[in-house]
Amino acid sequence: MTSPAEVLVSSDDYRLTMGGGVSAAIRAAAGSGLLVDAQKSIPCRLGDVVVTSAGLLRARYVFHVITIGPADGGPAGPEQSIETAVRRCFDLMEPLDVHSISFPALGTGVARYSVQSTAVLMATVIADCLGKSSYPFEV
């Protein structure tokens, strides 16, 4: 993982196993401490964002977006969980004093969310967050 972003975003299941796709690649590159750090926050629910250190990666943080798991009173369905999670990612950046973030197409791997629908939704939410904030972001 060679992204220059201070925050890497990953999709994961509610047990934070980081077992496939982007999350597995981040886990492999970050070292075993990342998984240990992430597992302190289980179980999670759909739409949650768990913040961990980035281990051996260049980034400062990994934001683990929960795209597989029970809603348990959280957002209902893939679209709402993606919208909620992307907004939460932006809400977390200023308190953590980070300005750059790198998103994958959330939930489009193992969770099987529609690539096209997810891309449109994420672009819409990201544009809305950037347009409403005076905090300097780089996406």
N, C-alpha and C. Protein backbone atom coordinates (compact mmCIF):
# COMPACT_ATOMS: atom_id res chain seq x y z
N MET A 1 0.85 -1.16 0.00
CA MET A 1 0.00 0.00 0.00
C MET A 1 0.90 1.24 0.00
N THR A 2 0.86 1.94 -1.09
CA THR A 2 1.76 3.08 -1.23
C THR A 2 1.02 4.41 -1.32
N SER A 3 -0.21 4.45 -0.93
CA SER A 3 -0.98 5.69 -0.97
C SER A 3 -0.34 6.75 -0.07
N PRO A 4 -0.27 7.99 -0.54
CA PRO A 4 0.27 9.07 0.30
C PRO A 4 -0.76 9.62 1.30
N ALA A 5 -1.98 9.11 1.29
CA ALA A 5 -3.03 9.63 2.17
C ALA A 5 -2.72 9.35 3.64
N GLU A 6 -3.15 10.25 4.49
CA GLU A 6 -2.99 10.07 5.94
C GLU A 6 -3.97 9.04 6.49
N VAL A 7 -5.11 8.86 5.79
CA VAL A 7 -6.12 7.89 6.19
C VAL A 7 -6.40 6.97 5.02
N LEU A 8 -6.35 5.67 5.29
CA LEU A 8 -6.78 4.67 4.32
C LEU A 8 -8.10 4.11 4.82
N VAL A 9 -9.07 4.01 3.93
CA VAL A 9 -10.38 3.48 4.30
C VAL A 9 -10.48 2.07 3.75
N SER A 10 -11.10 1.20 4.53
CA SER A 10 -11.23 -0.20 4.16
C SER A 10 -12.64 -0.68 4.46
N SER A 11 -13.14 -1.60 3.67
CA SER A 11 -14.41 -2.26 3.97
C SER A 11 -14.11 -3.50 4.80
N ASP A 12 -15.00 -3.81 5.74
CA ASP A 12 -14.78 -5.02 6.51
C ASP A 12 -16.10 -5.53 7.07
N ASP A 13 -16.03 -6.72 7.66
CA ASP A 13 -17.19 -7.32 8.30
C ASP A 13 -17.25 -6.88 9.76
N TYR A 14 -18.36 -7.17 10.41
CA TYR A 14 -18.59 -6.68 11.77
C TYR A 14 -17.68 -7.32 12.81
N ARG A 15 -16.92 -8.31 12.44
CA ARG A 15 -15.93 -8.93 13.33
C ARG A 15 -14.52 -8.44 13.04
N LEU A 16 -14.39 -7.52 12.08
CA LEU A 16 -13.10 -6.93 11.70
C LEU A 16 -12.03 -8.01 11.44
N THR A 17 -12.39 -8.98 10.60
CA THR A 17 -11.45 -10.06 10.30
C THR A 17 -10.42 -9.65 9.26
N MET A 18 -10.71 -8.61 8.49
CA MET A 18 -9.82 -8.12 7.44
C MET A 18 -9.36 -9.29 6.55
N GLY A 19 -10.34 -10.08 6.14
CA GLY A 19 -10.03 -11.33 5.45
C GLY A 19 -10.03 -11.30 3.94
N GLY A 20 -10.42 -10.21 3.31
CA GLY A 20 -10.46 -10.22 1.85
C GLY A 20 -10.29 -8.85 1.25
N GLY A 21 -9.95 -8.83 -0.03
CA GLY A 21 -9.87 -7.60 -0.80
C GLY A 21 -8.95 -6.54 -0.22
N VAL A 22 -9.44 -5.30 -0.20
CA VAL A 22 -8.65 -4.17 0.27
C VAL A 22 -8.24 -4.37 1.73
N SER A 23 -9.16 -4.85 2.56
CA SER A 23 -8.84 -5.01 3.98
C SER A 23 -7.72 -6.02 4.20
N ALA A 24 -7.70 -7.11 3.42
CA ALA A 24 -6.63 -8.10 3.55
C ALA A 24 -5.30 -7.53 3.08
N ALA A 25 -5.33 -6.72 2.03
CA ALA A 25 -4.10 -6.09 1.53
C ALA A 25 -3.56 -5.10 2.56
N ILE A 26 -4.44 -4.34 3.18
CA ILE A 26 -4.01 -3.40 4.23
C ILE A 26 -3.43 -4.17 5.41
N ARG A 27 -4.12 -5.22 5.82
CA ARG A 27 -3.64 -6.03 6.95
C ARG A 27 -2.25 -6.59 6.67
N ALA A 28 -2.05 -7.13 5.48
CA ALA A 28 -0.76 -7.72 5.12
C ALA A 28 0.36 -6.68 5.12
N ALA A 29 0.06 -5.50 4.59
CA ALA A 29 1.08 -4.45 4.51
C ALA A 29 1.34 -3.76 5.85
N ALA A 30 0.33 -3.71 6.70
CA ALA A 30 0.44 -2.98 7.97
C ALA A 30 1.08 -3.79 9.08
N GLY A 31 1.07 -5.10 8.96
CA GLY A 31 1.62 -5.94 10.02
C GLY A 31 0.55 -6.41 10.99
N SER A 32 0.91 -7.35 11.84
CA SER A 32 -0.05 -8.02 12.73
C SER A 32 -0.65 -7.09 13.79
N GLY A 33 0.02 -6.03 14.15
CA GLY A 33 -0.51 -5.11 15.15
C GLY A 33 -1.81 -4.47 14.75
N LEU A 34 -2.02 -4.27 13.45
CA LEU A 34 -3.25 -3.65 12.97
C LEU A 34 -4.46 -4.52 13.31
N LEU A 35 -4.36 -5.81 13.08
CA LEU A 35 -5.48 -6.71 13.38
C LEU A 35 -5.76 -6.72 14.88
N VAL A 36 -4.74 -6.76 15.68
CA VAL A 36 -4.90 -6.73 17.14
C VAL A 36 -5.61 -5.44 17.56
N ASP A 37 -5.18 -4.32 17.01
CA ASP A 37 -5.79 -3.03 17.30
C ASP A 37 -7.26 -3.02 16.89
N ALA A 38 -7.56 -3.50 15.71
CA ALA A 38 -8.93 -3.51 15.19
C ALA A 38 -9.84 -4.39 16.03
N GLN A 39 -9.36 -5.54 16.45
CA GLN A 39 -10.19 -6.51 17.15
C GLN A 39 -10.65 -6.01 18.52
N LYS A 40 -10.06 -4.94 19.02
CA LYS A 40 -10.49 -4.36 20.29
C LYS A 40 -11.88 -3.73 20.18
N SER A 41 -12.36 -3.52 18.97
CA SER A 41 -13.63 -2.83 18.75
C SER A 41 -14.77 -3.75 18.34
N ILE A 42 -14.60 -5.05 18.39
CA ILE A 42 -15.67 -5.95 17.94
C ILE A 42 -16.60 -6.28 19.10
N PRO A 43 -17.85 -6.62 18.76
CA PRO A 43 -18.45 -6.59 17.43
C PRO A 43 -18.91 -5.19 17.07
N CYS A 44 -19.07 -4.97 15.78
CA CYS A 44 -19.54 -3.69 15.26
C CYS A 44 -20.85 -3.91 14.53
N ARG A 45 -21.42 -2.82 14.05
CA ARG A 45 -22.64 -2.98 13.26
C ARG A 45 -22.49 -2.27 11.92
N LEU A 46 -23.33 -2.64 11.02
CA LEU A 46 -23.34 -2.11 9.66
C LEU A 46 -23.30 -0.59 9.70
N GLY A 47 -22.38 0.01 8.93
CA GLY A 47 -22.26 1.45 8.85
C GLY A 47 -21.28 2.06 9.84
N ASP A 48 -20.82 1.28 10.81
CA ASP A 48 -19.83 1.79 11.77
C ASP A 48 -18.51 2.09 11.08
N VAL A 49 -17.74 2.98 11.68
CA VAL A 49 -16.38 3.27 11.24
C VAL A 49 -15.48 3.09 12.46
N VAL A 50 -14.55 2.15 12.36
CA VAL A 50 -13.61 1.88 13.44
C VAL A 50 -12.26 2.47 13.04
N VAL A 51 -11.68 3.26 13.92
CA VAL A 51 -10.40 3.91 13.65
C VAL A 51 -9.29 3.12 14.35
N THR A 52 -8.25 2.79 13.58
CA THR A 52 -7.08 2.14 14.16
C THR A 52 -5.83 2.87 13.68
N SER A 53 -4.73 2.53 14.30
CA SER A 53 -3.44 2.98 13.80
C SER A 53 -3.24 2.33 12.43
N ALA A 54 -2.22 2.74 11.73
CA ALA A 54 -1.95 2.17 10.40
C ALA A 54 -0.78 1.19 10.41
N GLY A 55 -0.32 0.84 11.58
CA GLY A 55 0.77 -0.12 11.66
C GLY A 55 2.00 0.33 10.90
N LEU A 56 2.50 -0.51 10.04
CA LEU A 56 3.71 -0.24 9.28
C LEU A 56 3.48 0.60 8.03
N LEU A 57 2.25 0.96 7.77
CA LEU A 57 1.92 1.74 6.57
C LEU A 57 2.35 3.20 6.72
N ARG A 58 2.48 3.87 5.60
CA ARG A 58 2.79 5.30 5.57
C ARG A 58 1.68 6.16 6.17
N ALA A 59 0.46 5.70 6.06
CA ALA A 59 -0.71 6.43 6.56
C ALA A 59 -0.64 6.53 8.09
N ARG A 60 -1.42 7.44 8.64
CA ARG A 60 -1.49 7.57 10.09
C ARG A 60 -2.59 6.69 10.68
N TYR A 61 -3.70 6.54 9.93
CA TYR A 61 -4.85 5.80 10.43
C TYR A 61 -5.45 4.92 9.33
N VAL A 62 -6.17 3.89 9.78
CA VAL A 62 -7.06 3.12 8.91
C VAL A 62 -8.46 3.28 9.47
N PHE A 63 -9.39 3.66 8.61
CA PHE A 63 -10.80 3.73 8.97
C PHE A 63 -11.46 2.48 8.40
N HIS A 64 -11.91 1.60 9.26
CA HIS A 64 -12.54 0.35 8.85
C HIS A 64 -14.05 0.57 8.78
N VAL A 65 -14.60 0.57 7.58
CA VAL A 65 -16.04 0.75 7.37
C VAL A 65 -16.70 -0.62 7.37
N ILE A 66 -17.68 -0.79 8.23
CA ILE A 66 -18.36 -2.08 8.34
C ILE A 66 -19.45 -2.16 7.26
N THR A 67 -19.21 -3.05 6.30
CA THR A 67 -20.14 -3.23 5.17
C THR A 67 -20.82 -4.60 5.20
N ILE A 68 -20.41 -5.45 6.13
CA ILE A 68 -21.02 -6.77 6.26
C ILE A 68 -21.34 -6.99 7.74
N GLY A 69 -22.60 -7.25 8.02
CA GLY A 69 -22.97 -7.54 9.40
C GLY A 69 -24.34 -7.03 9.74
N PRO A 70 -24.73 -7.26 10.98
CA PRO A 70 -26.07 -6.85 11.40
C PRO A 70 -26.18 -5.33 11.53
N ALA A 71 -27.37 -4.82 11.24
CA ALA A 71 -27.61 -3.38 11.36
C ALA A 71 -27.82 -3.00 12.83
N ASP A 72 -28.51 -3.83 13.59
CA ASP A 72 -28.72 -3.60 15.03
C ASP A 72 -29.09 -2.16 15.36
N GLY A 73 -30.07 -1.64 14.67
CA GLY A 73 -30.49 -0.27 14.95
C GLY A 73 -29.73 0.78 14.18
N GLY A 74 -28.72 0.37 13.42
CA GLY A 74 -27.95 1.29 12.60
C GLY A 74 -28.64 1.50 11.26
N PRO A 75 -27.88 1.94 10.26
CA PRO A 75 -28.46 2.17 8.95
C PRO A 75 -29.06 0.89 8.36
N ALA A 76 -30.15 1.03 7.64
CA ALA A 76 -30.80 -0.12 7.03
C ALA A 76 -30.38 -0.24 5.57
N GLY A 77 -29.62 -1.26 5.25
CA GLY A 77 -29.26 -1.54 3.87
C GLY A 77 -27.94 -0.93 3.43
N PRO A 78 -27.43 -1.44 2.30
CA PRO A 78 -26.13 -1.02 1.80
C PRO A 78 -26.01 0.47 1.51
N GLU A 79 -27.01 1.04 0.84
CA GLU A 79 -26.91 2.44 0.46
C GLU A 79 -26.81 3.34 1.69
N GLN A 80 -27.69 3.13 2.64
CA GLN A 80 -27.69 3.99 3.83
C GLN A 80 -26.43 3.76 4.65
N SER A 81 -25.93 2.52 4.72
CA SER A 81 -24.73 2.26 5.50
C SER A 81 -23.51 2.92 4.87
N ILE A 82 -23.43 2.93 3.54
CA ILE A 82 -22.31 3.59 2.86
C ILE A 82 -22.39 5.10 3.07
N GLU A 83 -23.56 5.67 2.90
CA GLU A 83 -23.72 7.11 3.10
C GLU A 83 -23.33 7.50 4.52
N THR A 84 -23.84 6.78 5.49
CA THR A 84 -23.54 7.06 6.90
C THR A 84 -22.04 6.95 7.17
N ALA A 85 -21.42 5.89 6.68
CA ALA A 85 -20.00 5.65 6.94
C ALA A 85 -19.11 6.70 6.29
N VAL A 86 -19.40 7.08 5.05
CA VAL A 86 -18.58 8.09 4.38
C VAL A 86 -18.67 9.42 5.14
N ARG A 87 -19.86 9.79 5.56
CA ARG A 87 -20.01 11.02 6.34
C ARG A 87 -19.24 10.92 7.67
N ARG A 88 -19.28 9.76 8.31
CA ARG A 88 -18.54 9.58 9.56
C ARG A 88 -17.04 9.71 9.34
N CYS A 89 -16.56 9.19 8.21
CA CYS A 89 -15.13 9.31 7.90
C CYS A 89 -14.73 10.78 7.86
N PHE A 90 -15.51 11.59 7.18
CA PHE A 90 -15.19 13.03 7.10
C PHE A 90 -15.31 13.70 8.47
N ASP A 91 -16.31 13.29 9.26
CA ASP A 91 -16.48 13.87 10.59
C ASP A 91 -15.29 13.57 11.50
N LEU A 92 -14.62 12.46 11.28
CA LEU A 92 -13.49 12.05 12.12
C LEU A 92 -12.18 12.75 11.75
N MET A 93 -12.09 13.27 10.56
CA MET A 93 -10.80 13.79 10.08
C MET A 93 -10.32 15.01 10.86
N GLU A 94 -11.16 15.99 11.07
CA GLU A 94 -10.71 17.20 11.75
C GLU A 94 -10.26 16.91 13.19
N PRO A 95 -11.03 16.16 13.99
CA PRO A 95 -10.56 15.87 15.35
C PRO A 95 -9.23 15.10 15.39
N LEU A 96 -8.96 14.32 14.34
CA LEU A 96 -7.70 13.56 14.27
C LEU A 96 -6.59 14.37 13.59
N ASP A 97 -6.91 15.57 13.14
CA ASP A 97 -5.95 16.45 12.48
C ASP A 97 -5.30 15.81 11.25
N VAL A 98 -6.15 15.23 10.42
CA VAL A 98 -5.70 14.67 9.15
C VAL A 98 -6.45 15.35 8.01
N HIS A 99 -5.80 15.46 6.87
CA HIS A 99 -6.38 16.22 5.75
C HIS A 99 -6.56 15.40 4.48
N SER A 100 -5.97 14.21 4.41
CA SER A 100 -6.09 13.41 3.19
C SER A 100 -6.62 12.02 3.50
N ILE A 101 -7.48 11.55 2.60
CA ILE A 101 -8.14 10.26 2.80
C ILE A 101 -8.25 9.54 1.47
N SER A 102 -8.11 8.23 1.50
CA SER A 102 -8.20 7.41 0.30
C SER A 102 -9.29 6.36 0.50
N PHE A 103 -10.31 6.42 -0.36
CA PHE A 103 -11.45 5.50 -0.28
C PHE A 103 -11.36 4.44 -1.38
N PRO A 104 -11.66 3.17 -1.06
CA PRO A 104 -11.92 2.19 -2.11
C PRO A 104 -13.42 2.27 -2.45
N ALA A 105 -13.85 1.46 -3.38
CA ALA A 105 -15.29 1.35 -3.66
C ALA A 105 -15.88 0.47 -2.56
N LEU A 106 -16.39 1.10 -1.52
CA LEU A 106 -16.81 0.41 -0.30
C LEU A 106 -17.87 -0.65 -0.55
N GLY A 107 -17.62 -1.85 -0.03
CA GLY A 107 -18.60 -2.92 -0.07
C GLY A 107 -18.79 -3.61 -1.40
N THR A 108 -17.98 -3.28 -2.40
CA THR A 108 -18.21 -3.85 -3.73
C THR A 108 -17.48 -5.17 -3.94
N GLY A 109 -16.74 -5.63 -2.95
CA GLY A 109 -16.05 -6.92 -3.05
C GLY A 109 -16.92 -8.02 -2.46
N VAL A 110 -16.52 -8.54 -1.34
CA VAL A 110 -17.20 -9.65 -0.68
C VAL A 110 -18.66 -9.29 -0.34
N ALA A 111 -18.92 -8.05 0.04
CA ALA A 111 -20.29 -7.64 0.39
C ALA A 111 -21.20 -7.56 -0.83
N ARG A 112 -20.60 -7.49 -2.02
CA ARG A 112 -21.32 -7.52 -3.30
C ARG A 112 -22.28 -6.36 -3.52
N TYR A 113 -21.95 -5.18 -3.01
CA TYR A 113 -22.73 -4.00 -3.34
C TYR A 113 -22.47 -3.68 -4.81
N SER A 114 -23.43 -3.07 -5.45
CA SER A 114 -23.30 -2.68 -6.85
C SER A 114 -22.18 -1.64 -7.01
N VAL A 115 -21.24 -1.92 -7.92
CA VAL A 115 -20.13 -1.00 -8.15
C VAL A 115 -20.66 0.35 -8.65
N GLN A 116 -21.58 0.33 -9.62
CA GLN A 116 -22.10 1.58 -10.17
C GLN A 116 -22.87 2.39 -9.14
N SER A 117 -23.76 1.75 -8.41
CA SER A 117 -24.55 2.46 -7.40
C SER A 117 -23.66 3.01 -6.30
N THR A 118 -22.68 2.22 -5.88
CA THR A 118 -21.77 2.65 -4.83
C THR A 118 -20.93 3.83 -5.29
N ALA A 119 -20.44 3.78 -6.52
CA ALA A 119 -19.61 4.88 -7.05
C ALA A 119 -20.41 6.18 -7.09
N VAL A 120 -21.62 6.12 -7.57
CA VAL A 120 -22.47 7.32 -7.64
C VAL A 120 -22.78 7.84 -6.24
N LEU A 121 -23.15 6.94 -5.34
CA LEU A 121 -23.48 7.34 -3.97
C LEU A 121 -22.27 7.95 -3.27
N MET A 122 -21.12 7.29 -3.37
CA MET A 122 -19.92 7.81 -2.70
C MET A 122 -19.52 9.16 -3.27
N ALA A 123 -19.56 9.31 -4.58
CA ALA A 123 -19.20 10.59 -5.20
C ALA A 123 -20.15 11.69 -4.74
N THR A 124 -21.43 11.39 -4.64
CA THR A 124 -22.41 12.37 -4.19
C THR A 124 -22.16 12.79 -2.74
N VAL A 125 -21.93 11.81 -1.87
CA VAL A 125 -21.70 12.10 -0.46
C VAL A 125 -20.39 12.85 -0.27
N ILE A 126 -19.34 12.43 -0.96
CA ILE A 126 -18.04 13.09 -0.85
C ILE A 126 -18.16 14.55 -1.32
N ALA A 127 -18.81 14.77 -2.44
CA ALA A 127 -18.99 16.13 -2.95
C ALA A 127 -19.77 16.98 -1.95
N ASP A 128 -20.80 16.40 -1.34
CA ASP A 128 -21.59 17.12 -0.35
C ASP A 128 -20.74 17.48 0.88
N CYS A 129 -19.95 16.53 1.36
CA CYS A 129 -19.10 16.78 2.53
C CYS A 129 -18.05 17.85 2.23
N LEU A 130 -17.45 17.78 1.07
CA LEU A 130 -16.44 18.77 0.70
C LEU A 130 -17.06 20.15 0.54
N GLY A 131 -18.25 20.19 -0.04
CA GLY A 131 -18.93 21.47 -0.28
C GLY A 131 -19.40 22.16 0.99
N LYS A 132 -19.66 21.39 2.04
CA LYS A 132 -20.19 21.96 3.29
C LYS A 132 -19.12 22.26 4.32
N SER A 133 -17.89 21.93 4.05
CA SER A 133 -16.85 22.07 5.06
C SER A 133 -15.83 23.13 4.67
N SER A 134 -15.32 23.83 5.66
CA SER A 134 -14.22 24.76 5.41
C SER A 134 -12.88 24.08 5.76
N TYR A 135 -12.93 22.88 6.31
CA TYR A 135 -11.72 22.14 6.65
C TYR A 135 -11.09 21.64 5.35
N PRO A 136 -9.78 21.79 5.19
CA PRO A 136 -9.14 21.37 3.93
C PRO A 136 -8.97 19.86 3.83
N PHE A 137 -9.68 19.25 2.90
CA PHE A 137 -9.62 17.81 2.66
C PHE A 137 -8.95 17.53 1.32
N GLU A 138 -8.30 16.39 1.23
CA GLU A 138 -7.82 15.87 -0.04
C GLU A 138 -8.31 14.44 -0.13
N VAL A 139 -9.06 14.14 -1.19
CA VAL A 139 -9.66 12.81 -1.35
C VAL A 139 -9.02 12.13 -2.54
